[in-house]
Amino acid sequence: MKAVISNKLLENIIDAYNRENKTNISVSDVETLDLAVPNIYLNGKEVSWMSIRLE
């Protein structure tokens, strides 16, 4: 299966991850992205959908 997400959505997920985990990662630091309900997992760490700016 191949899935494609927009760069803006990926940036917003990373921004939420950085806020929640007090880190400063960038796109090049992303190894895995698991889109699930009710959360997203970025490099194995949970990110809440509620933290992501969906505009």
Protein backbone atom coordinates (compact mmCIF):
# COMPACT_ATOMS: atom_id res chain seq x y z
CA MET A 1 0.00 0.00 0.00
CA LYS A 2 1.19 3.49 -0.78
CA ALA A 3 -0.26 6.56 0.90
CA VAL A 4 0.46 10.19 0.14
CA ILE A 5 -0.08 13.14 2.46
CA SER A 6 0.51 16.79 1.75
CA ASN A 7 3.67 18.53 2.90
CA LYS A 8 1.53 20.96 4.92
CA LEU A 9 -0.15 18.10 6.84
CA LEU A 10 3.23 16.49 7.53
CA GLU A 11 4.61 19.84 8.74
CA ASN A 12 1.58 20.30 11.03
CA ILE A 13 2.02 16.78 12.46
CA ILE A 14 5.70 17.50 13.12
CA ASP A 15 4.82 20.86 14.73
CA ALA A 16 2.35 19.10 17.06
CA TYR A 17 4.93 16.41 17.84
CA ASN A 18 7.51 19.08 18.70
CA ARG A 19 5.08 20.94 20.97
CA GLU A 20 3.97 17.78 22.79
CA ASN A 21 7.47 16.34 23.22
CA LYS A 22 9.41 19.61 23.58
CA THR A 23 11.69 18.63 20.70
CA ASN A 24 12.71 20.22 17.44
CA ILE A 25 12.68 17.50 14.77
CA SER A 26 12.28 18.16 11.06
CA VAL A 27 10.99 16.14 8.10
CA SER A 28 14.40 14.52 7.61
CA ASP A 29 14.20 13.10 11.16
CA VAL A 30 10.96 11.19 10.48
CA GLU A 31 11.53 7.45 10.14
CA THR A 32 7.98 6.18 10.66
CA LEU A 33 4.55 7.78 10.55
CA ASP A 34 1.55 5.69 11.63
CA LEU A 35 -1.79 7.38 11.05
CA ALA A 36 -4.28 5.77 13.41
CA VAL A 37 -7.35 6.60 15.45
CA PRO A 38 -7.35 8.14 18.02
CA ASN A 39 -3.66 9.07 17.71
CA ILE A 40 -0.77 9.36 15.30
CA TYR A 41 2.59 7.79 16.00
CA LEU A 42 5.70 9.56 14.76
CA ASN A 43 8.90 7.58 15.23
CA GLY A 44 7.00 5.46 17.77
CA LYS A 45 5.83 8.39 19.92
CA GLU A 46 2.18 9.31 20.21
CA VAL A 47 0.78 12.58 18.84
CA SER A 48 -2.84 13.55 19.47
CA TRP A 49 -4.96 14.43 16.46
CA MET A 50 -6.35 17.27 18.60
CA SER A 51 -2.88 18.89 18.63
CA ILE A 52 -2.64 19.05 14.84
CA ARG A 53 -3.79 22.17 13.07
CA LEU A 54 -6.06 20.88 10.30
CA GLU A 55 -6.70 23.91 8.15
